[in-house]
Amino acid sequence: MSRIKKKALINGEETEITIDSGADITYADGDFAKKLGLIETGETTHILYADGRTEQARGAKGRILIPNTCCDADANFAVVDNKKQSGNEILLGNDFMENTGMKIDWTKKEEYNVECPCGKFLQRVEESGSEEKENPSCSPATIRLIKNLRALRQ
């Protein structure tokens, strides 16, 4: 099992997420889910932890945008009230990666190990003087992401 930490925007709120190669579902701590404005769906599910314990979870939805990729998609979360179980406020599971086509190169620990479905990284953004330009081959989602990142820098 491998884990990496990434900065992300969830419902427009900047946060740090853990991406876990062994997690089947995307998880959020209950208090943190409220802070991020995740919308509860009324559905319930169960989380199976690596040590064999299970816990009932509430379903919720939110939007995740991961910088350095064009991964900008709705996500389903399993919300539980005890983050001590996993030690993470947000854990991104394989369900999100499969739904978005996002790929992880687990051998790389640097910034560009997450690849978006269009196969492009933000490192392909060209810089010209002080003005950044979008790569014309980037998808509309990548261009939106670049604009959001610029806003975060200001």
C-alpha atoms as a PDB file:
ATOM      1  CA  MET A   1       0.000   0.000   0.000  1.00  0.00           C
ATOM      2  CA  SER A   2       1.304   3.453  -0.918  1.00  0.00           C
ATOM      3  CA  ARG A   3       0.129   6.888   0.165  1.00  0.00           C
ATOM      4  CA  ILE A   4       0.900  10.376  -1.035  1.00  0.00           C
ATOM      5  CA  LYS A   5      -0.334  13.740   0.215  1.00  0.00           C
ATOM      6  CA  LYS A   6      -1.546  16.391  -2.241  1.00  0.00           C
ATOM      7  CA  LYS A   7      -3.059  19.829  -2.000  1.00  0.00           C
ATOM      8  CA  ALA A   8      -6.551  19.955  -3.474  1.00  0.00           C
ATOM      9  CA  LEU A   9      -9.641  22.116  -3.646  1.00  0.00           C
ATOM     10  CA  ILE A  10     -12.804  20.508  -2.320  1.00  0.00           C
ATOM     11  CA  ASN A  11     -15.898  22.602  -2.962  1.00  0.00           C
ATOM     12  CA  GLY A  12     -13.501  25.508  -3.453  1.00  0.00           C
ATOM     13  CA  GLU A  13     -11.775  25.063  -0.053  1.00  0.00           C
ATOM     14  CA  GLU A  14      -8.021  24.445  -0.168  1.00  0.00           C
ATOM     15  CA  THR A  15      -7.036  21.367   1.833  1.00  0.00           C
ATOM     16  CA  GLU A  16      -4.567  18.502   1.917  1.00  0.00           C
ATOM     17  CA  ILE A  17      -5.765  15.066   0.894  1.00  0.00           C
ATOM     18  CA  THR A  18      -4.212  11.637   1.219  1.00  0.00           C
ATOM     19  CA  ILE A  19      -4.337   9.446  -1.888  1.00  0.00           C
ATOM     20  CA  ASP A  20      -4.154   5.782  -0.872  1.00  0.00           C
ATOM     21  CA  SER A  21      -3.443   2.923  -3.291  1.00  0.00           C
ATOM     22  CA  GLY A  22      -5.151   0.462  -0.938  1.00  0.00           C
ATOM     23  CA  ALA A  23      -8.353   2.422  -0.295  1.00  0.00           C
ATOM     24  CA  ASP A  24     -11.379   1.370  -2.301  1.00  0.00           C
ATOM     25  CA  ILE A  25     -13.566   4.324  -1.313  1.00  0.00           C
ATOM     26  CA  THR A  26     -13.120   8.046  -0.770  1.00  0.00           C
ATOM     27  CA  TYR A  27     -13.480   8.942   2.894  1.00  0.00           C
ATOM     28  CA  ALA A  28     -14.086  12.172   4.852  1.00  0.00           C
ATOM     29  CA  ASP A  29     -14.132  12.907   8.571  1.00  0.00           C
ATOM     30  CA  GLY A  30     -17.581  14.150   9.666  1.00  0.00           C
ATOM     31  CA  ASP A  31     -16.453  17.490  11.121  1.00  0.00           C
ATOM     32  CA  PHE A  32     -14.205  18.168   8.155  1.00  0.00           C
ATOM     33  CA  ALA A  33     -17.012  17.223   5.741  1.00  0.00           C
ATOM     34  CA  LYS A  34     -19.189  19.925   7.326  1.00  0.00           C
ATOM     35  CA  LYS A  35     -16.376  22.480   7.051  1.00  0.00           C
ATOM     36  CA  LEU A  36     -15.975  21.666   3.343  1.00  0.00           C
ATOM     37  CA  GLY A  37     -19.711  21.872   2.694  1.00  0.00           C
ATOM     38  CA  LEU A  38     -20.127  18.286   1.505  1.00  0.00           C
ATOM     39  CA  ILE A  39     -23.774  17.548   0.779  1.00  0.00           C
ATOM     40  CA  GLU A  40     -25.114  14.438   2.491  1.00  0.00           C
ATOM     41  CA  THR A  41     -27.029  12.120   0.160  1.00  0.00           C
ATOM     42  CA  GLY A  42     -29.017  10.138   2.736  1.00  0.00           C
ATOM     43  CA  GLU A  43     -27.333   6.903   1.643  1.00  0.00           C
ATOM     44  CA  THR A  44     -25.358   4.717   4.036  1.00  0.00           C
ATOM     45  CA  THR A  45     -22.408   2.422   3.476  1.00  0.00           C
ATOM     46  CA  HIS A  46     -19.789   0.573   5.514  1.00  0.00           C
ATOM     47  CA  ILE A  47     -16.065   1.162   5.672  1.00  0.00           C
ATOM     48  CA  LEU A  48     -13.793  -1.859   6.077  1.00  0.00           C
ATOM     49  CA  TYR A  49     -10.487  -0.914   7.703  1.00  0.00           C
ATOM     50  CA  ALA A  50      -7.221  -2.744   7.030  1.00  0.00           C
ATOM     51  CA  ASP A  51      -7.340  -4.342  10.490  1.00  0.00           C
ATOM     52  CA  GLY A  52     -10.740  -5.934   9.745  1.00  0.00           C
ATOM     53  CA  ARG A  53     -12.969  -3.499  11.675  1.00  0.00           C
ATOM     54  CA  THR A  54     -16.035  -2.050   9.979  1.00  0.00           C
ATOM     55  CA  GLU A  55     -17.884   1.179  10.591  1.00  0.00           C
ATOM     56  CA  GLN A  56     -21.131   2.562   9.208  1.00  0.00           C
ATOM     57  CA  ALA A  57     -20.728   5.715   7.107  1.00  0.00           C
ATOM     58  CA  ARG A  58     -23.048   8.316   5.607  1.00  0.00           C
ATOM     59  CA  GLY A  59     -22.869   9.149   1.923  1.00  0.00           C
ATOM     60  CA  ALA A  60     -21.993  12.673   0.756  1.00  0.00           C
ATOM     61  CA  LYS A  61     -21.040  14.465  -2.452  1.00  0.00           C
ATOM     62  CA  GLY A  62     -18.535  17.191  -3.216  1.00  0.00           C
ATOM     63  CA  ARG A  63     -16.293  18.480  -5.987  1.00  0.00           C
ATOM     64  CA  ILE A  64     -12.535  17.754  -5.987  1.00  0.00           C
ATOM     65  CA  LEU A  65      -9.970  19.651  -8.020  1.00  0.00           C
ATOM     66  CA  ILE A  66      -6.361  18.436  -7.817  1.00  0.00           C
ATOM     67  CA  PRO A  67      -3.685  20.969  -8.772  1.00  0.00           C
ATOM     68  CA  ASN A  68      -1.161  19.933 -11.448  1.00  0.00           C
ATOM     69  CA  THR A  69      -3.810  17.829 -13.193  1.00  0.00           C
ATOM     70  CA  CYS A  70      -7.114  18.427 -14.928  1.00  0.00           C
ATOM     71  CA  CYS A  71      -8.859  16.177 -12.377  1.00  0.00           C
ATOM     72  CA  ASP A  72     -11.852  18.323 -11.549  1.00  0.00           C
ATOM     73  CA  ALA A  73     -14.795  16.058 -10.797  1.00  0.00           C
ATOM     74  CA  ASP A  74     -17.694  15.292  -8.502  1.00  0.00           C
ATOM     75  CA  ALA A  75     -16.848  12.714  -5.859  1.00  0.00           C
ATOM     76  CA  ASN A  76     -18.808  10.451  -3.563  1.00  0.00           C
ATOM     77  CA  PHE A  77     -17.570  10.394   0.032  1.00  0.00           C
ATOM     78  CA  ALA A  78     -18.123   7.964   2.882  1.00  0.00           C
ATOM     79  CA  VAL A  79     -18.443  10.246   5.921  1.00  0.00           C
ATOM     80  CA  VAL A  80     -17.636   8.948   9.407  1.00  0.00           C
ATOM     81  CA  ASP A  81     -17.425  10.870  12.655  1.00  0.00           C
ATOM     82  CA  ASN A  82     -14.178   9.400  13.984  1.00  0.00           C
ATOM     83  CA  LYS A  83     -11.100  10.425  12.002  1.00  0.00           C
ATOM     84  CA  LYS A  84      -8.929   8.636  14.570  1.00  0.00           C
ATOM     85  CA  GLN A  85      -9.847   5.418  12.787  1.00  0.00           C
ATOM     86  CA  SER A  86      -7.825   6.308   9.712  1.00  0.00           C
ATOM     87  CA  GLY A  87      -5.805   9.312  10.867  1.00  0.00           C
ATOM     88  CA  ASN A  88      -6.875  11.319   7.803  1.00  0.00           C
ATOM     89  CA  GLU A  89      -9.482  14.027   7.350  1.00  0.00           C
ATOM     90  CA  ILE A  90      -9.795  13.246   3.623  1.00  0.00           C
ATOM     91  CA  LEU A  91      -8.650  10.042   1.964  1.00  0.00           C
ATOM     92  CA  LEU A  92      -9.004   9.715  -1.802  1.00  0.00           C
ATOM     93  CA  GLY A  93      -9.703   6.131  -2.832  1.00  0.00           C
ATOM     94  CA  ASN A  94      -9.568   4.086  -6.009  1.00  0.00           C
ATOM     95  CA  ASP A  95     -13.252   4.837  -6.708  1.00  0.00           C
ATOM     96  CA  PHE A  96     -12.417   8.483  -7.486  1.00  0.00           C
ATOM     97  CA  MET A  97      -9.370   7.563  -9.546  1.00  0.00           C
ATOM     98  CA  GLU A  98     -11.323   5.032 -11.616  1.00  0.00           C
ATOM     99  CA  ASN A  99     -14.248   7.425 -12.183  1.00  0.00           C
ATOM    100  CA  THR A 100     -11.997  10.263 -13.364  1.00  0.00           C
ATOM    101  CA  GLY A 101      -9.350   8.238 -15.190  1.00  0.00           C
ATOM    102  CA  MET A 102      -6.696   9.748 -12.915  1.00  0.00           C
ATOM    103  CA  LYS A 103      -3.448   7.775 -12.758  1.00  0.00           C
ATOM    104  CA  ILE A 104      -0.752   7.807 -10.101  1.00  0.00           C
ATOM    105  CA  ASP A 105       2.894   6.966 -10.654  1.00  0.00           C
ATOM    106  CA  TRP A 106       3.613   5.573  -7.178  1.00  0.00           C
ATOM    107  CA  THR A 107       7.366   5.469  -7.888  1.00  0.00           C
ATOM    108  CA  LYS A 108       7.530   9.283  -8.012  1.00  0.00           C
ATOM    109  CA  LYS A 109       7.095  11.374  -4.887  1.00  0.00           C
ATOM    110  CA  GLU A 110       7.435  14.760  -6.528  1.00  0.00           C
ATOM    111  CA  GLU A 111       4.717  17.143  -7.616  1.00  0.00           C
ATOM    112  CA  TYR A 112       3.980  15.612 -11.025  1.00  0.00           C
ATOM    113  CA  ASN A 113       3.213  12.017 -10.138  1.00  0.00           C
ATOM    114  CA  VAL A 114      -0.558  12.466 -10.646  1.00  0.00           C
ATOM    115  CA  GLU A 115      -1.641  12.327 -14.277  1.00  0.00           C
ATOM    116  CA  CYS A 116      -5.028  13.498 -15.465  1.00  0.00           C
ATOM    117  CA  PRO A 117      -7.220  11.675 -18.010  1.00  0.00           C
ATOM    118  CA  CYS A 118      -6.126  13.872 -20.921  1.00  0.00           C
ATOM    119  CA  GLY A 119      -2.545  12.728 -20.262  1.00  0.00           C
ATOM    120  CA  LYS A 120      -1.249  16.206 -19.545  1.00  0.00           C
ATOM    121  CA  PHE A 121       0.410  17.679 -16.493  1.00  0.00           C
ATOM    122  CA  LEU A 122       0.432  21.349 -15.566  1.00  0.00           C
ATOM    123  CA  GLN A 123       4.190  21.272 -16.014  1.00  0.00           C
ATOM    124  CA  ARG A 124       3.330  21.598 -19.707  1.00  0.00           C
ATOM    125  CA  VAL A 125       2.074  25.127 -19.104  1.00  0.00           C
ATOM    126  CA  GLU A 126       4.413  27.457 -20.932  1.00  0.00           C
ATOM    127  CA  GLU A 127       5.786  30.586 -19.299  1.00  0.00           C
ATOM    128  CA  SER A 128       6.494  33.627 -21.428  1.00  0.00           C
ATOM    129  CA  GLY A 129       8.060  36.456 -19.440  1.00  0.00           C
ATOM    130  CA  SER A 130       5.782  37.184 -16.521  1.00  0.00           C
ATOM    131  CA  GLU A 131       2.668  36.037 -18.359  1.00  0.00           C
ATOM    132  CA  GLU A 132       1.640  32.378 -18.277  1.00  0.00           C
ATOM    133  CA  LYS A 133      -0.034  30.828 -21.304  1.00  0.00           C
ATOM    134  CA  GLU A 134      -2.142  27.701 -21.422  1.00  0.00           C
ATOM    135  CA  ASN A 135      -0.874  24.921 -23.614  1.00  0.00           C
ATOM    136  CA  PRO A 136      -3.332  24.953 -26.566  1.00  0.00           C
ATOM    137  CA  SER A 137      -3.605  21.159 -26.384  1.00  0.00           C
ATOM    138  CA  CYS A 138      -4.851  21.255 -22.766  1.00  0.00           C
ATOM    139  CA  SER A 139      -8.450  20.361 -22.059  1.00  0.00           C
ATOM    140  CA  PRO A 140     -10.972  22.968 -20.836  1.00  0.00           C
ATOM    141  CA  ALA A 141     -10.709  21.407 -17.359  1.00  0.00           C
ATOM    142  CA  THR A 142      -6.949  22.023 -17.333  1.00  0.00           C
ATOM    143  CA  ILE A 143      -7.444  25.630 -18.374  1.00  0.00           C
ATOM    144  CA  ARG A 144     -10.011  26.092 -15.541  1.00  0.00           C
ATOM    145  CA  LEU A 145      -7.524  24.549 -13.144  1.00  0.00           C
ATOM    146  CA  ILE A 146      -4.757  26.924 -14.236  1.00  0.00           C
ATOM    147  CA  LYS A 147      -7.053  29.886 -13.620  1.00  0.00           C
ATOM    148  CA  ASN A 148      -7.964  28.551 -10.161  1.00  0.00           C
ATOM    149  CA  LEU A 149      -4.294  28.061  -9.285  1.00  0.00           C
ATOM    150  CA  ARG A 150      -3.494  31.603 -10.374  1.00  0.00           C
ATOM    151  CA  ALA A 151      -6.248  32.868  -8.077  1.00  0.00           C
ATOM    152  CA  LEU A 152      -4.789  30.867  -5.166  1.00  0.00           C
ATOM    153  CA  ARG A 153      -1.354  32.430  -5.713  1.00  0.00           C
ATOM    154  CA  GLN A 154      -2.724  35.979  -5.350  1.00  0.00           C
END
